[in-house]
Amino acid sequence: MEFEPVIGLEIHAELQTRSKMFCPCPVVDSTVAEPNRYVCPVCAGMPGTLPVPNQRAIEWTILTGLALNCTIAEYSLFYRKNYFYPDLPAEYQRSMYDYPLCLNGWLEIEAPAGPKRVRIRRVHIEEDTGKLIHVGGATLVDFNRAGVPLMEIVTEPDMNSVEEVKAFATALRALLRYLGVNSGDMEKGVIRFEANVSVRPRGETRLGTRTEIKNLNSFRALVRAVDYEIRRQIEILRSGGTVVQETMGWDESRGVTVPQRGKEYAHDYRYFPEPDIPPLVIAREWVEALRAQLPELPQARLERFVRDYALSRYEAALLTEDHRVADYFEQAVALAVQGEPALEPRTLAGWITGELFRLMNEAHLEIHEIRVPPEALVDLARMVQRGEINLNTGKWVLREAFESGEAPRRIVAAKGLTQIRDVAALREIVQQILDAHPKEVESYLKGKEGVLKWFVGQVMRATRGQADPQRVNELVREALEARRSG
């Protein structure tokens, strides 16, 4: 029997506001800040304190809902979600339950089978918890993160493969970064995924029993955990067993999901309206003012790059995943049409997504941190296009510019890398190489065509890589064939 996975996601994204959700304590990087330094009676859950909602956090949640094509509620309400855990100082979490801010949206993703819409059930705000730190046999609590505004985005169970899950997670992270509401820095835990996974016989419409995998804070963990859980559930069903509804954790070192507790239901949390925060009434004028602030979003930019710059969807997706990369590319394109020769956008896209991305990955740098501005990349690409340097030399020059911050043209001049264009001089070098290696010439004449590439390599070495490889190939073949006929 063939089985089909059914997956929905819950995403918790910290809003990068200056202050926490219900108090004026600053939002700080909890991975480096001194523990429990940025805490006040409100976020520490002290009795008698009164919360004051953060307007910017509400605005950014509405903005995200608009970007996700949601309906924005006219009325919203905070609830208390009650449970007892050491990182929850008040022993309840302020969240939204029956009346979220945003409902019934969708996000289009680039799925393996083509574009696909994943429905968004709701987007709402809650406050983050503290952070547990396990040291030896003890557990410590840092409340710096407690009370940080947390946006929860819940999808419908619309994804049917690990590839679709990764595509959605990537697309959502890009959207949040475009909006400027979340940094997307997953290593710092500012985005955390929870996956609801079930399987069913292919062709059925009824959902199977689901498990929820908690606190996945990287794409790698998300993909590996969902893939493992799908295979685990299929194996249980094929062996005649029953999948148990429960909450799972992900053991990265062993590469397995592990049971944590039985899956809770809403009534387990004893939700009731937060008595200290009045209902939020969302004026339509406010919503429209926020809608006017929406930037060009990743999917729209991808479509424009395909349409206006004749890029493939794959190239456009690579360039638009990070808005700063897309900005860099468009600045380069604008410069490329101002001089001679004009450069095709696809040429620049190739330099950025190929050699530049490779250098950035090696150095663990983002595009805004590199020392190769768009004008330097365009000048380098022009030198290659004009034939001043060959492609291999161009790649070497880019690495030098990347590491030193020096302009490519100055590197070429200082190193004497300008390509040799004198055909007579190249012919003379070719003849010298052939004269110095009579055995290899004889091998070629006896039918060993592969020797030709060896001779090309010798000429490139003699010219310190300053010759055009294609032209050298032609001249070597010409000289060898002349010896055959001579």
Protein backbone atom coordinates (compact mmCIF):
# COMPACT_ATOMS: atom_id res chain seq x y z
CA MET A 1 0.00 0.00 0.00
CA GLU A 2 1.26 3.46 -0.90
CA PHE A 3 1.05 6.16 1.76
CA GLU A 4 0.86 9.94 1.43
CA PRO A 5 2.26 12.30 4.07
CA VAL A 6 0.16 15.25 5.21
CA ILE A 7 2.04 18.07 6.93
CA GLY A 8 1.10 21.37 8.51
CA LEU A 9 3.46 23.80 10.19
CA GLU A 10 3.32 26.16 13.14
CA ILE A 11 5.96 28.84 12.98
CA HIS A 12 7.03 31.03 15.89
CA ALA A 13 8.86 34.16 14.73
CA GLU A 14 10.24 36.73 17.16
CA LEU A 15 9.33 40.28 16.16
CA GLN A 16 12.42 42.48 16.20
CA THR A 17 10.79 45.35 18.05
CA ARG A 18 12.86 47.50 20.40
CA SER A 19 10.86 46.54 23.48
CA LYS A 20 8.98 43.48 24.73
CA MET A 21 5.31 42.73 24.12
CA PHE A 22 3.81 44.03 27.36
CA CYS A 23 6.58 46.03 29.07
CA PRO A 24 9.37 48.51 28.18
CA CYS A 25 12.24 46.03 28.68
CA PRO A 26 14.50 45.99 25.60
CA VAL A 27 14.59 43.03 23.24
CA VAL A 28 18.19 41.74 23.24
CA ASP A 29 20.13 38.84 21.75
CA SER A 30 19.63 36.26 24.48
CA THR A 31 22.52 34.18 23.14
CA VAL A 32 25.09 36.82 24.20
CA ALA A 33 23.37 39.06 26.80
CA GLU A 34 24.06 38.65 30.51
CA PRO A 35 21.35 36.31 31.88
CA ASN A 36 18.35 37.90 33.60
CA ARG A 37 19.65 41.43 32.99
CA TYR A 38 16.68 42.68 30.93
CA VAL A 39 13.76 41.73 33.16
CA CYS A 40 11.15 43.79 35.03
CA PRO A 41 8.20 42.90 37.30
CA VAL A 42 5.84 42.66 34.28
CA CYS A 43 7.83 40.13 32.21
CA ALA A 44 8.90 38.35 35.40
CA GLY A 45 5.20 37.64 36.12
CA MET A 46 5.03 39.46 39.45
CA PRO A 47 1.53 39.70 41.01
CA GLY A 48 -0.24 43.05 40.64
CA THR A 49 1.62 44.19 37.49
CA LEU A 50 -0.33 45.41 34.47
CA PRO A 51 0.66 44.65 30.86
CA VAL A 52 0.58 47.33 28.12
CA PRO A 53 0.44 45.92 24.55
CA ASN A 54 3.22 46.90 22.12
CA GLN A 55 1.57 48.75 19.23
CA ARG A 56 4.47 48.13 16.83
CA ALA A 57 4.20 44.37 17.38
CA ILE A 58 0.49 44.50 16.54
CA GLU A 59 1.21 46.57 13.41
CA TRP A 60 3.89 44.17 12.22
CA THR A 61 1.61 41.18 12.76
CA ILE A 62 -1.11 42.83 10.69
CA LEU A 63 1.49 43.71 8.03
CA THR A 64 2.56 40.06 7.91
CA GLY A 65 -1.07 38.96 7.66
CA LEU A 66 -1.58 41.29 4.70
CA ALA A 67 1.55 39.92 3.01
CA LEU A 68 0.12 36.42 3.54
CA ASN A 69 -3.19 37.42 1.89
CA CYS A 70 -5.11 37.09 5.17
CA THR A 71 -8.35 38.69 6.25
CA ILE A 72 -7.59 41.11 9.09
CA ALA A 73 -10.01 40.81 12.01
CA GLU A 74 -11.98 43.83 13.18
CA TYR A 75 -11.86 42.55 16.76
CA SER A 76 -9.10 40.62 18.53
CA LEU A 77 -8.58 39.46 22.08
CA PHE A 78 -5.71 38.22 24.26
CA TYR A 79 -6.20 35.08 26.35
CA ARG A 80 -4.29 33.43 29.15
CA LYS A 81 -2.92 30.03 28.19
CA ASN A 82 -2.29 28.23 31.47
CA TYR A 83 0.45 25.66 31.97
CA PHE A 84 3.22 25.13 34.48
CA TYR A 85 6.80 25.10 33.29
CA PRO A 86 9.98 26.65 34.74
CA ASP A 87 10.54 29.05 31.81
CA LEU A 88 7.05 30.59 32.16
CA PRO A 89 7.31 33.03 35.08
CA ALA A 90 3.60 33.88 35.45
CA GLU A 91 2.55 30.22 34.96
CA TYR A 92 0.43 31.39 32.02
CA GLN A 93 1.25 32.77 28.59
CA ARG A 94 -0.60 35.68 27.02
CA SER A 95 -1.69 34.58 23.57
CA MET A 96 -4.63 34.82 21.16
CA TYR A 97 -7.10 31.97 20.97
CA ASP A 98 -10.59 32.41 19.50
CA TYR A 99 -9.93 35.88 18.08
CA PRO A 100 -6.60 36.04 16.22
CA LEU A 101 -5.54 39.12 14.26
CA CYS A 102 -5.27 37.46 10.83
CA LEU A 103 -7.23 34.60 9.25
CA ASN A 104 -7.58 32.53 6.07
CA GLY A 105 -4.58 33.53 3.96
CA TRP A 106 -2.14 31.74 1.67
CA LEU A 107 1.49 31.73 0.57
CA GLU A 108 2.61 30.56 -2.85
CA ILE A 109 5.71 28.37 -2.89
CA GLU A 110 8.00 26.96 -5.58
CA ALA A 111 7.19 23.27 -5.09
CA PRO A 112 8.94 20.49 -7.08
CA ALA A 113 5.83 20.07 -9.25
CA GLY A 114 5.50 23.82 -9.82
CA PRO A 115 3.93 26.77 -7.96
CA LYS A 116 1.59 25.73 -5.13
CA ARG A 117 -0.50 27.64 -2.61
CA VAL A 118 -0.27 26.67 1.05
CA ARG A 119 -3.20 27.98 3.07
CA ILE A 120 -2.60 30.00 6.22
CA ARG A 121 -5.13 29.28 8.97
CA ARG A 122 -4.19 32.13 11.32
CA VAL A 123 -1.52 34.60 12.37
CA HIS A 124 -1.54 35.88 15.94
CA ILE A 125 0.67 37.29 18.71
CA GLU A 126 1.84 35.76 21.93
CA GLU A 127 4.67 36.39 24.35
CA ASP A 128 7.80 34.27 24.31
CA THR A 129 8.95 32.23 27.30
CA GLY A 130 12.27 32.30 29.09
CA LYS A 131 15.16 30.04 28.17
CA LEU A 132 16.23 26.91 30.04
CA ILE A 133 19.96 26.22 30.26
CA HIS A 134 21.03 22.74 31.32
CA VAL A 135 24.42 22.65 33.07
CA GLY A 136 25.58 19.34 34.43
CA GLY A 137 22.81 18.03 36.65
CA ALA A 138 21.18 21.46 37.13
CA THR A 139 18.78 23.55 35.06
CA LEU A 140 19.10 27.35 35.03
CA VAL A 141 16.53 29.84 33.74
CA ASP A 142 17.25 33.05 31.81
CA PHE A 143 14.22 35.37 31.57
CA ASN A 144 15.76 37.89 29.13
CA ARG A 145 13.62 36.35 26.35
CA ALA A 146 10.44 36.16 28.46
CA GLY A 147 7.85 38.57 27.12
CA VAL A 148 9.49 39.12 23.70
CA PRO A 149 6.71 39.51 21.08
CA LEU A 150 6.27 36.26 19.24
CA MET A 151 4.22 35.92 16.06
CA GLU A 152 2.67 32.50 15.48
CA ILE A 153 1.79 31.49 11.93
CA VAL A 154 -0.30 28.33 11.52
CA THR A 155 -0.76 26.62 8.15
CA GLU A 156 -3.39 24.19 7.02
CA PRO A 157 -2.14 20.60 6.44
CA ASP A 158 -1.49 21.34 2.76
CA MET A 159 2.05 20.00 2.31
CA ASN A 160 2.62 16.47 1.07
CA SER A 161 6.39 16.10 0.93
CA VAL A 162 9.57 17.12 2.70
CA GLU A 163 10.47 19.21 -0.36
CA GLU A 164 7.26 21.23 -0.02
CA VAL A 165 7.93 21.75 3.69
CA LYS A 166 11.39 23.14 2.96
CA ALA A 167 10.06 25.32 0.13
CA PHE A 168 7.41 26.80 2.44
CA ALA A 169 9.84 27.41 5.30
CA THR A 170 12.31 29.09 2.93
CA ALA A 171 9.61 31.25 1.33
CA LEU A 172 8.16 32.34 4.69
CA ARG A 173 11.58 33.24 6.10
CA ALA A 174 12.29 35.34 2.99
CA LEU A 175 8.93 37.12 3.31
CA LEU A 176 9.51 38.00 6.98
CA ARG A 177 12.95 39.39 6.13
CA TYR A 178 11.53 41.46 3.24
CA LEU A 179 9.00 42.95 5.66
CA GLY A 180 11.77 43.71 8.18
CA VAL A 181 9.79 42.15 11.04
CA ASN A 182 12.22 39.28 11.72
CA SER A 183 15.96 38.91 11.09
CA GLY A 184 15.70 35.31 9.91
CA ASP A 185 18.76 34.39 11.98
CA MET A 186 17.81 30.81 12.76
CA GLU A 187 21.02 30.09 14.68
CA LYS A 188 19.79 32.53 17.33
CA GLY A 189 16.38 30.87 17.52
CA VAL A 190 14.38 33.84 16.21
CA ILE A 191 12.37 31.46 14.01
CA ARG A 192 11.29 28.09 15.33
CA PHE A 193 9.20 25.48 13.51
CA GLU A 194 6.78 22.87 14.79
CA ALA A 195 5.58 20.24 12.34
CA ASN A 196 2.30 18.36 12.51
CA VAL A 197 2.82 15.12 10.59
CA SER A 198 0.43 12.34 9.64
CA VAL A 199 0.23 9.76 6.85
CA ARG A 200 -2.72 8.17 5.07
CA PRO A 201 -3.26 5.68 2.22
CA ARG A 202 -2.77 7.49 -1.07
CA GLY A 203 -6.10 8.56 -2.50
CA GLU A 204 -7.88 8.89 0.85
CA THR A 205 -9.12 12.29 2.04
CA ARG A 206 -9.49 11.50 5.73
CA LEU A 207 -6.53 12.66 7.84
CA GLY A 208 -4.49 10.14 9.79
CA THR A 209 -3.43 10.43 13.44
CA ARG A 210 -0.86 13.20 13.73
CA THR A 211 2.15 13.85 15.86
CA GLU A 212 3.67 17.25 16.56
CA ILE A 213 7.45 17.73 16.42
CA LYS A 214 8.48 20.66 18.63
CA ASN A 215 11.20 23.34 18.47
CA LEU A 216 12.96 22.79 15.15
CA ASN A 217 15.28 25.78 14.75
CA SER A 218 16.98 25.08 11.42
CA PHE A 219 15.96 24.00 7.93
CA ARG A 220 18.20 20.95 8.34
CA ALA A 221 16.45 19.90 11.56
CA LEU A 222 13.01 20.57 10.06
CA VAL A 223 13.67 18.50 6.93
CA ARG A 224 15.37 15.61 8.74
CA ALA A 225 12.77 15.43 11.51
CA VAL A 226 9.78 15.48 9.15
CA ASP A 227 11.40 12.92 6.84
CA TYR A 228 12.14 10.58 9.76
CA GLU A 229 8.65 10.94 11.25
CA ILE A 230 6.99 10.16 7.92
CA ARG A 231 9.04 6.99 7.57
CA ARG A 232 8.41 6.03 11.22
CA GLN A 233 4.64 6.33 10.88
CA ILE A 234 4.55 4.42 7.57
CA GLU A 235 6.56 1.60 9.13
CA ILE A 236 4.13 1.43 12.10
CA LEU A 237 1.07 1.24 9.81
CA ARG A 238 2.62 -1.36 7.48
CA SER A 239 3.42 -3.57 10.46
CA GLY A 240 -0.21 -3.39 11.62
CA GLY A 241 0.34 -0.94 14.46
CA THR A 242 -1.40 2.31 15.39
CA VAL A 243 0.15 5.77 15.40
CA VAL A 244 -0.28 7.47 18.78
CA GLN A 245 -1.11 11.18 18.91
CA GLU A 246 1.72 12.70 20.91
CA THR A 247 4.25 15.50 21.06
CA MET A 248 7.69 14.55 19.77
CA GLY A 249 11.15 16.03 20.16
CA TRP A 250 13.99 15.82 17.66
CA ASP A 251 17.27 14.18 18.71
CA GLU A 252 19.77 15.75 16.29
CA SER A 253 22.68 13.53 17.30
CA ARG A 254 20.77 10.27 16.73
CA GLY A 255 18.63 11.56 13.87
CA VAL A 256 15.36 10.32 15.41
CA THR A 257 12.14 11.75 16.84
CA VAL A 258 11.46 10.87 20.47
CA PRO A 259 8.18 11.02 22.45
CA GLN A 260 7.93 13.87 24.96
CA ARG A 261 4.35 13.82 26.17
CA GLY A 262 0.81 13.09 25.07
CA LYS A 263 -0.56 15.69 22.64
CA GLU A 264 -2.44 18.38 24.50
CA TYR A 265 -5.87 19.67 23.52
CA ALA A 266 -7.08 23.26 23.87
CA HIS A 267 -9.07 22.49 27.03
CA ASP A 268 -5.87 21.28 28.71
CA TYR A 269 -4.63 24.88 28.77
CA ARG A 270 -7.78 26.31 30.43
CA TYR A 271 -7.88 29.32 28.10
CA PHE A 272 -9.77 32.37 29.36
CA PRO A 273 -9.74 36.05 28.25
CA GLU A 274 -6.90 38.14 29.67
CA PRO A 275 -8.69 40.41 32.18
CA ASP A 276 -5.91 43.05 32.20
CA ILE A 277 -5.95 43.81 28.44
CA PRO A 278 -9.08 45.24 26.76
CA PRO A 279 -10.16 43.89 23.35
CA LEU A 280 -8.34 45.23 20.29
CA VAL A 281 -10.59 47.00 17.80
CA ILE A 282 -8.81 47.16 14.43
CA ALA A 283 -9.87 50.20 12.41
CA ARG A 284 -10.10 49.62 8.64
CA GLU A 285 -8.24 52.90 8.03
CA TRP A 286 -5.32 51.56 10.06
CA VAL A 287 -5.28 48.32 8.06
CA GLU A 288 -5.25 50.20 4.73
CA ALA A 289 -2.47 52.50 5.96
CA LEU A 290 -0.42 49.40 6.78
CA ARG A 291 -1.26 47.82 3.42
CA ALA A 292 0.23 50.88 1.72
CA GLN A 293 3.54 50.14 3.50
CA LEU A 294 3.92 46.68 1.95
CA PRO A 295 7.15 46.37 -0.08
CA GLU A 296 7.50 44.31 -3.25
CA LEU A 297 7.37 40.78 -1.84
CA PRO A 298 9.65 37.85 -2.79
CA GLN A 299 7.20 36.05 -5.08
CA ALA A 300 6.30 39.21 -6.98
CA ARG A 301 9.98 40.09 -7.32
CA LEU A 302 10.77 36.58 -8.56
CA GLU A 303 8.09 36.87 -11.26
CA ARG A 304 9.42 40.31 -12.29
CA PHE A 305 13.00 39.02 -12.50
CA VAL A 306 11.84 36.19 -14.79
CA ARG A 307 9.80 38.60 -16.92
CA ASP A 308 12.10 41.64 -17.09
CA TYR A 309 15.56 40.05 -16.94
CA ALA A 310 14.92 36.76 -18.80
CA LEU A 311 16.15 34.71 -15.85
CA SER A 312 15.13 31.12 -15.18
CA ARG A 313 12.82 30.60 -12.21
CA TYR A 314 15.70 28.87 -10.43
CA GLU A 315 18.04 31.84 -10.93
CA ALA A 316 15.32 34.30 -9.90
CA ALA A 317 14.54 32.27 -6.76
CA LEU A 318 18.19 32.29 -5.71
CA LEU A 319 18.45 36.06 -6.19
CA THR A 320 15.18 36.99 -4.47
CA GLU A 321 15.43 34.79 -1.37
CA ASP A 322 17.33 37.61 0.38
CA HIS A 323 16.11 41.12 -0.46
CA ARG A 324 19.65 42.47 -0.04
CA VAL A 325 20.94 40.09 -2.73
CA ALA A 326 18.08 41.16 -5.00
CA ASP A 327 18.95 44.82 -4.37
CA TYR A 328 22.63 44.13 -5.14
CA PHE A 329 21.69 42.40 -8.41
CA GLU A 330 19.42 45.24 -9.52
CA GLN A 331 22.08 47.85 -8.72
CA ALA A 332 24.52 45.85 -10.85
CA VAL A 333 22.00 45.58 -13.71
CA ALA A 334 21.44 49.36 -13.65
CA LEU A 335 25.22 49.93 -13.92
CA ALA A 336 25.62 47.29 -16.63
CA VAL A 337 23.53 49.20 -19.15
CA GLN A 338 25.42 52.48 -18.68
CA GLY A 339 28.74 51.52 -20.28
CA GLU A 340 30.24 49.46 -23.10
CA PRO A 341 29.82 46.66 -23.70
CA ALA A 342 26.38 46.34 -22.15
CA LEU A 343 26.08 43.21 -20.02
CA GLU A 344 23.12 40.85 -20.04
CA PRO A 345 21.35 40.49 -16.65
CA ARG A 346 21.88 36.71 -16.89
CA THR A 347 25.64 37.26 -17.07
CA LEU A 348 25.55 39.17 -13.79
CA ALA A 349 23.17 36.64 -12.26
CA GLY A 350 25.71 33.93 -13.11
CA TRP A 351 28.56 35.79 -11.41
CA ILE A 352 26.47 36.44 -8.27
CA THR A 353 24.82 33.03 -7.84
CA GLY A 354 27.99 31.19 -8.83
CA GLU A 355 31.37 32.58 -7.86
CA LEU A 356 30.21 35.32 -5.45
CA PHE A 357 27.86 33.01 -3.51
CA ARG A 358 30.65 30.42 -3.24
CA LEU A 359 33.02 33.00 -1.75
CA MET A 360 30.32 34.24 0.63
CA ASN A 361 29.55 30.70 1.82
CA GLU A 362 33.24 29.97 2.42
CA ALA A 363 33.64 33.18 4.44
CA HIS A 364 30.22 32.90 6.18
CA LEU A 365 29.34 36.44 5.05
CA GLU A 366 26.08 38.05 3.95
CA ILE A 367 25.91 40.21 0.82
CA HIS A 368 25.89 43.46 2.83
CA GLU A 369 29.13 42.43 4.56
CA ILE A 370 31.27 41.86 1.46
CA ARG A 371 33.83 44.30 0.03
CA VAL A 372 32.91 43.86 -3.64
CA PRO A 373 30.37 46.58 -4.49
CA PRO A 374 28.10 46.16 -7.54
CA GLU A 375 30.21 48.55 -9.64
CA ALA A 376 33.32 46.42 -9.01
CA LEU A 377 31.53 43.24 -10.09
CA VAL A 378 30.22 44.95 -13.24
CA ASP A 379 33.72 46.24 -14.13
CA LEU A 380 35.16 42.74 -13.67
CA ALA A 381 32.45 41.15 -15.83
CA ARG A 382 33.12 43.76 -18.51
CA MET A 383 36.85 43.01 -18.52
CA VAL A 384 36.04 39.36 -19.16
CA GLN A 385 33.48 40.23 -21.83
CA ARG A 386 35.93 42.52 -23.64
CA GLY A 387 38.58 39.84 -23.58
CA GLU A 388 40.94 41.86 -21.38
CA ILE A 389 41.15 38.83 -19.08
CA ASN A 390 39.82 35.31 -19.49
CA LEU A 391 37.11 33.74 -17.34
CA ASN A 392 39.48 31.78 -15.12
CA THR A 393 41.55 34.88 -14.44
CA GLY A 394 38.34 36.77 -13.74
CA LYS A 395 37.38 34.26 -11.05
CA TRP A 396 40.82 34.57 -9.47
CA VAL A 397 40.58 38.38 -9.53
CA LEU A 398 37.15 38.22 -7.87
CA ARG A 399 38.59 36.17 -5.03
CA GLU A 400 41.41 38.70 -4.60
CA ALA A 401 38.94 41.60 -4.59
CA PHE A 402 36.68 39.74 -2.15
CA GLU A 403 39.54 39.16 0.29
CA SER A 404 41.34 42.51 -0.06
CA GLY A 405 38.62 44.99 -0.99
CA GLU A 406 40.85 46.16 -3.89
CA ALA A 407 39.20 47.20 -7.17
CA PRO A 408 39.42 44.39 -9.78
CA ARG A 409 40.96 46.67 -12.41
CA ARG A 410 43.77 47.66 -10.04
CA ILE A 411 44.42 43.99 -9.24
CA VAL A 412 44.66 43.16 -12.96
CA ALA A 413 47.06 46.06 -13.56
CA ALA A 414 49.22 45.34 -10.52
CA LYS A 415 49.55 41.62 -11.32
CA GLY A 416 50.00 42.09 -15.08
CA LEU A 417 47.06 39.85 -15.85
CA THR A 418 45.83 41.48 -19.06
CA GLN A 419 45.08 38.79 -21.61
CA ILE A 420 47.57 38.24 -24.45
CA ARG A 421 45.80 39.13 -27.68
CA ASP A 422 48.76 39.10 -30.07
CA VAL A 423 48.07 36.01 -32.21
CA ALA A 424 51.61 36.01 -33.66
CA ALA A 425 53.10 35.97 -30.13
CA LEU A 426 50.79 33.12 -29.12
CA ARG A 427 51.74 31.11 -32.24
CA GLU A 428 55.39 31.50 -31.34
CA ILE A 429 54.76 30.21 -27.79
CA VAL A 430 52.77 27.25 -29.20
CA GLN A 431 55.64 26.37 -31.56
CA GLN A 432 58.14 26.53 -28.69
CA ILE A 433 56.02 24.17 -26.61
CA LEU A 434 55.63 21.69 -29.47
CA ASP A 435 59.36 21.77 -30.24
CA ALA A 436 60.15 21.05 -26.57
CA HIS A 437 57.90 17.95 -26.46
CA PRO A 438 58.43 15.85 -29.61
CA LYS A 439 57.22 12.62 -27.96
CA GLU A 440 53.86 14.15 -27.09
CA VAL A 441 53.59 15.53 -30.64
CA GLU A 442 54.23 12.03 -31.98
CA SER A 443 51.52 10.63 -29.67
CA TYR A 444 48.99 13.11 -31.03
CA LEU A 445 49.91 12.33 -34.62
CA LYS A 446 49.35 8.63 -33.88
CA GLY A 447 45.77 9.35 -32.81
CA LYS A 448 45.91 10.26 -29.10
CA GLU A 449 43.61 13.29 -29.30
CA GLY A 450 43.73 13.80 -25.53
CA VAL A 451 47.29 15.11 -25.81
CA LEU A 452 45.82 18.28 -27.31
CA LYS A 453 44.43 19.34 -23.91
CA TRP A 454 47.81 18.73 -22.32
CA PHE A 455 49.46 21.08 -24.83
CA VAL A 456 46.77 23.72 -24.17
CA GLY A 457 47.57 23.47 -20.48
CA GLN A 458 51.30 23.93 -21.16
CA VAL A 459 50.62 27.07 -23.20
CA MET A 460 48.33 28.47 -20.50
CA ARG A 461 51.04 27.83 -17.92
CA ALA A 462 53.66 29.53 -20.10
CA THR A 463 51.42 32.58 -20.49
CA ARG A 464 50.51 32.60 -16.76
CA GLY A 465 46.88 32.10 -17.67
CA GLN A 466 46.76 35.32 -19.69
CA ALA A 467 45.81 33.72 -22.98
CA ASP A 468 42.29 32.99 -24.18
CA PRO A 469 41.93 29.19 -23.70
CA GLN A 470 39.61 28.84 -26.68
CA ARG A 471 42.03 30.71 -28.94
CA VAL A 472 44.95 28.66 -27.59
CA ASN A 473 43.03 25.46 -28.34
CA GLU A 474 42.54 26.58 -31.95
CA LEU A 475 46.21 27.54 -32.40
CA VAL A 476 47.53 24.29 -30.86
CA ARG A 477 45.28 22.17 -33.09
CA GLU A 478 46.31 24.22 -36.12
CA ALA A 479 50.02 23.77 -35.34
CA LEU A 480 49.69 20.03 -34.73
CA GLU A 481 47.70 19.45 -37.91
CA ALA A 482 50.33 21.47 -39.80
CA ARG A 483 52.96 19.02 -38.58
CA ARG A 484 50.81 16.11 -39.65
CA SER A 485 50.47 17.46 -43.18
CA GLY A 486 54.13 18.60 -43.24
